[in-house]
């Protein structure tokens, strides 16, 4: 499991094994504190800053993964 998924599991207070692509964020504690914590996690792991609005639009772990991939690709280009 990736460090990102491990960090998400800690934020959501669930088992790392629960961090599957289909894990629905609304089923966890996807609130403003979780969003801010996820912004910090992404910054720490990838040295990227994502907006709270972009994160709030995510509904699954797969959405979060795609957002991070896009942000990393934009910076690499």
N, C-alpha and C. Protein backbone atom coordinates (compact mmCIF):
# COMPACT_ATOMS: atom_id res chain seq x y z
N UNK A 1 0.85 -1.19 0.00
CA UNK A 1 0.00 0.00 0.00
C UNK A 1 0.89 1.24 0.00
N UNK A 2 0.47 2.25 -0.70
CA UNK A 2 1.30 3.45 -0.80
C UNK A 2 1.25 4.28 0.47
N UNK A 3 2.26 5.11 0.62
CA UNK A 3 2.30 6.02 1.77
C UNK A 3 1.09 6.95 1.76
N UNK A 4 0.62 7.31 0.57
CA UNK A 4 -0.56 8.17 0.47
C UNK A 4 -1.77 7.48 1.06
N UNK A 5 -1.98 6.22 0.70
CA UNK A 5 -3.13 5.48 1.22
C UNK A 5 -2.99 5.23 2.72
N UNK A 6 -1.78 5.01 3.18
CA UNK A 6 -1.55 4.85 4.62
C UNK A 6 -1.92 6.14 5.35
N UNK A 7 -1.53 7.27 4.78
CA UNK A 7 -1.87 8.56 5.38
C UNK A 7 -3.36 8.82 5.38
N UNK A 8 -4.03 8.45 4.28
CA UNK A 8 -5.49 8.61 4.22
C UNK A 8 -6.16 7.76 5.28
N UNK A 9 -5.69 6.53 5.45
CA UNK A 9 -6.28 5.65 6.46
C UNK A 9 -6.16 6.27 7.84
N UNK A 10 -5.03 6.90 8.11
CA UNK A 10 -4.85 7.56 9.40
C UNK A 10 -5.81 8.74 9.55
N UNK A 11 -5.95 9.53 8.50
CA UNK A 11 -6.86 10.68 8.54
C UNK A 11 -8.29 10.22 8.79
N UNK A 12 -8.71 9.17 8.09
CA UNK A 12 -10.09 8.68 8.19
C UNK A 12 -10.31 7.74 9.37
N UNK A 13 -9.22 7.38 10.04
CA UNK A 13 -9.29 6.48 11.18
C UNK A 13 -9.92 5.14 10.81
N UNK A 14 -9.40 4.57 9.70
CA UNK A 14 -9.84 3.26 9.24
C UNK A 14 -8.60 2.41 8.97
N UNK A 15 -8.80 1.14 8.72
CA UNK A 15 -7.69 0.24 8.40
C UNK A 15 -7.14 0.58 7.02
N UNK A 16 -5.84 0.42 6.86
CA UNK A 16 -5.20 0.69 5.57
C UNK A 16 -5.84 -0.17 4.48
N UNK A 17 -6.22 -1.38 4.81
CA UNK A 17 -6.84 -2.28 3.83
C UNK A 17 -8.16 -1.72 3.29
N UNK A 18 -8.78 -0.81 4.01
CA UNK A 18 -10.03 -0.19 3.56
C UNK A 18 -9.81 0.85 2.47
N UNK A 19 -8.57 1.27 2.26
CA UNK A 19 -8.29 2.33 1.30
C UNK A 19 -8.22 1.78 -0.12
N UNK A 20 -9.33 1.25 -0.59
CA UNK A 20 -9.43 0.74 -1.95
C UNK A 20 -9.88 1.88 -2.87
N UNK A 21 -9.71 1.74 -4.18
CA UNK A 21 -10.13 2.80 -5.09
C UNK A 21 -11.61 3.18 -4.94
N UNK A 22 -12.44 2.22 -4.59
CA UNK A 22 -13.88 2.48 -4.48
C UNK A 22 -14.33 2.98 -3.11
N UNK A 23 -13.39 3.15 -2.18
CA UNK A 23 -13.75 3.64 -0.85
C UNK A 23 -14.39 5.01 -0.99
N UNK A 24 -15.61 5.13 -0.49
CA UNK A 24 -16.36 6.39 -0.60
C UNK A 24 -16.01 7.30 0.56
N UNK A 25 -15.56 8.49 0.24
CA UNK A 25 -15.12 9.44 1.24
C UNK A 25 -16.25 9.86 2.16
N UNK A 26 -17.46 9.93 1.63
CA UNK A 26 -18.60 10.32 2.47
C UNK A 26 -18.91 9.28 3.54
N UNK A 27 -18.41 8.06 3.36
CA UNK A 27 -18.60 7.02 4.37
C UNK A 27 -17.61 7.17 5.53
N UNK A 28 -16.65 8.05 5.35
CA UNK A 28 -15.65 8.31 6.39
C UNK A 28 -15.90 9.72 6.94
N UNK A 29 -14.91 10.26 7.55
CA UNK A 29 -15.02 11.61 8.12
C UNK A 29 -14.53 12.64 7.11
N UNK A 30 -15.14 12.72 5.93
CA UNK A 30 -14.70 13.65 4.88
C UNK A 30 -15.29 15.02 5.14
N UNK A 31 -14.65 15.71 6.08
CA UNK A 31 -15.10 17.04 6.47
C UNK A 31 -13.96 18.02 6.26
N UNK A 32 -14.14 19.25 6.70
CA UNK A 32 -13.12 20.27 6.46
C UNK A 32 -11.78 19.91 7.10
N UNK A 33 -11.79 19.29 8.25
CA UNK A 33 -10.54 18.88 8.89
C UNK A 33 -9.84 17.80 8.07
N UNK A 34 -10.59 16.85 7.56
CA UNK A 34 -10.01 15.79 6.72
C UNK A 34 -9.44 16.38 5.43
N UNK A 35 -10.13 17.36 4.88
CA UNK A 35 -9.65 18.00 3.65
C UNK A 35 -8.34 18.72 3.91
N UNK A 36 -8.27 19.49 4.99
CA UNK A 36 -7.03 20.20 5.33
C UNK A 36 -5.91 19.19 5.60
N UNK A 37 -6.23 18.12 6.30
CA UNK A 37 -5.22 17.08 6.58
C UNK A 37 -4.73 16.43 5.30
N UNK A 38 -5.63 16.23 4.34
CA UNK A 38 -5.25 15.63 3.06
C UNK A 38 -4.39 16.59 2.24
N UNK A 39 -4.70 17.88 2.30
CA UNK A 39 -3.86 18.88 1.64
C UNK A 39 -2.44 18.80 2.19
N UNK A 40 -2.32 18.71 3.51
CA UNK A 40 -1.00 18.62 4.15
C UNK A 40 -0.29 17.32 3.76
N UNK A 41 -1.03 16.22 3.70
CA UNK A 41 -0.45 14.93 3.32
C UNK A 41 0.11 14.99 1.91
N UNK A 42 -0.66 15.54 0.98
CA UNK A 42 -0.22 15.65 -0.41
C UNK A 42 1.02 16.54 -0.50
N UNK A 43 1.01 17.63 0.23
CA UNK A 43 2.16 18.53 0.24
C UNK A 43 3.40 17.82 0.78
N UNK A 44 3.24 17.09 1.88
CA UNK A 44 4.36 16.38 2.49
C UNK A 44 4.93 15.29 1.57
N UNK A 45 4.04 14.52 0.95
CA UNK A 45 4.49 13.38 0.15
C UNK A 45 4.96 13.76 -1.25
N UNK A 46 4.28 14.73 -1.86
CA UNK A 46 4.51 15.02 -3.27
C UNK A 46 5.01 16.43 -3.55
N UNK A 47 5.11 17.25 -2.50
CA UNK A 47 5.50 18.65 -2.66
C UNK A 47 4.59 19.36 -3.67
N UNK A 48 3.30 19.09 -3.54
CA UNK A 48 2.28 19.70 -4.40
C UNK A 48 1.20 20.30 -3.52
N UNK A 49 0.64 21.40 -3.98
CA UNK A 49 -0.46 22.02 -3.26
C UNK A 49 -1.73 21.87 -4.09
N UNK A 50 -2.75 21.30 -3.48
CA UNK A 50 -4.05 21.18 -4.15
C UNK A 50 -5.05 22.04 -3.41
N UNK A 51 -6.07 22.48 -4.11
CA UNK A 51 -7.06 23.35 -3.49
C UNK A 51 -8.08 22.54 -2.70
N UNK A 52 -8.63 23.18 -1.72
CA UNK A 52 -9.69 22.55 -0.93
C UNK A 52 -10.89 22.24 -1.81
N UNK A 53 -11.19 23.12 -2.77
CA UNK A 53 -12.32 22.89 -3.67
C UNK A 53 -12.11 21.64 -4.52
N UNK A 54 -10.88 21.46 -5.01
CA UNK A 54 -10.58 20.28 -5.82
C UNK A 54 -10.75 19.01 -4.99
N UNK A 55 -10.28 19.05 -3.76
CA UNK A 55 -10.43 17.89 -2.88
C UNK A 55 -11.89 17.64 -2.52
N UNK A 56 -12.62 18.70 -2.25
CA UNK A 56 -14.02 18.56 -1.86
C UNK A 56 -14.85 17.93 -2.97
N UNK A 57 -14.41 18.09 -4.21
CA UNK A 57 -15.13 17.50 -5.35
C UNK A 57 -14.89 16.00 -5.48
N UNK A 58 -13.89 15.49 -4.80
CA UNK A 58 -13.58 14.05 -4.86
C UNK A 58 -14.60 13.27 -4.03
N UNK A 59 -14.99 12.11 -4.55
CA UNK A 59 -15.95 11.28 -3.82
C UNK A 59 -15.39 9.91 -3.43
N UNK A 60 -14.29 9.50 -4.08
CA UNK A 60 -13.69 8.20 -3.78
C UNK A 60 -12.17 8.34 -3.67
N UNK A 61 -11.54 7.30 -3.17
CA UNK A 61 -10.08 7.27 -3.12
C UNK A 61 -9.52 7.33 -4.54
N UNK A 62 -10.18 6.70 -5.49
CA UNK A 62 -9.74 6.77 -6.89
C UNK A 62 -9.72 8.21 -7.38
N UNK A 63 -10.71 9.00 -6.99
CA UNK A 63 -10.73 10.42 -7.36
C UNK A 63 -9.53 11.15 -6.76
N UNK A 64 -9.20 10.85 -5.52
CA UNK A 64 -8.04 11.47 -4.88
C UNK A 64 -6.75 11.07 -5.61
N UNK A 65 -6.64 9.78 -5.94
CA UNK A 65 -5.46 9.31 -6.67
C UNK A 65 -5.32 10.03 -8.01
N UNK A 66 -6.44 10.19 -8.72
CA UNK A 66 -6.42 10.87 -10.02
C UNK A 66 -6.04 12.34 -9.87
N UNK A 67 -6.54 12.98 -8.84
CA UNK A 67 -6.20 14.39 -8.59
C UNK A 67 -4.71 14.54 -8.34
N UNK A 68 -4.16 13.68 -7.51
CA UNK A 68 -2.72 13.74 -7.22
C UNK A 68 -1.92 13.48 -8.49
N UNK A 69 -2.33 12.49 -9.28
CA UNK A 69 -1.62 12.18 -10.53
C UNK A 69 -1.65 13.38 -11.48
N UNK A 70 -2.80 14.03 -11.58
CA UNK A 70 -2.91 15.22 -12.44
C UNK A 70 -1.99 16.34 -11.96
N UNK A 71 -2.01 16.58 -10.66
CA UNK A 71 -1.18 17.65 -10.10
C UNK A 71 0.30 17.36 -10.31
N UNK A 72 0.70 16.11 -10.15
CA UNK A 72 2.10 15.75 -10.36
C UNK A 72 2.47 15.88 -11.84
N UNK A 73 1.56 15.53 -12.74
CA UNK A 73 1.82 15.63 -14.18
C UNK A 73 1.92 17.09 -14.61
N UNK A 74 1.09 17.95 -14.04
CA UNK A 74 1.11 19.37 -14.39
C UNK A 74 2.45 19.97 -14.01
N UNK A 75 2.93 19.65 -12.83
CA UNK A 75 4.21 20.21 -12.37
C UNK A 75 5.38 19.65 -13.17
N UNK A 76 5.26 18.40 -13.64
CA UNK A 76 6.36 17.78 -14.37
C UNK A 76 6.46 18.32 -15.79
N UNK A 77 5.37 18.84 -16.31
CA UNK A 77 5.34 19.32 -17.71
C UNK A 77 6.04 20.65 -17.87
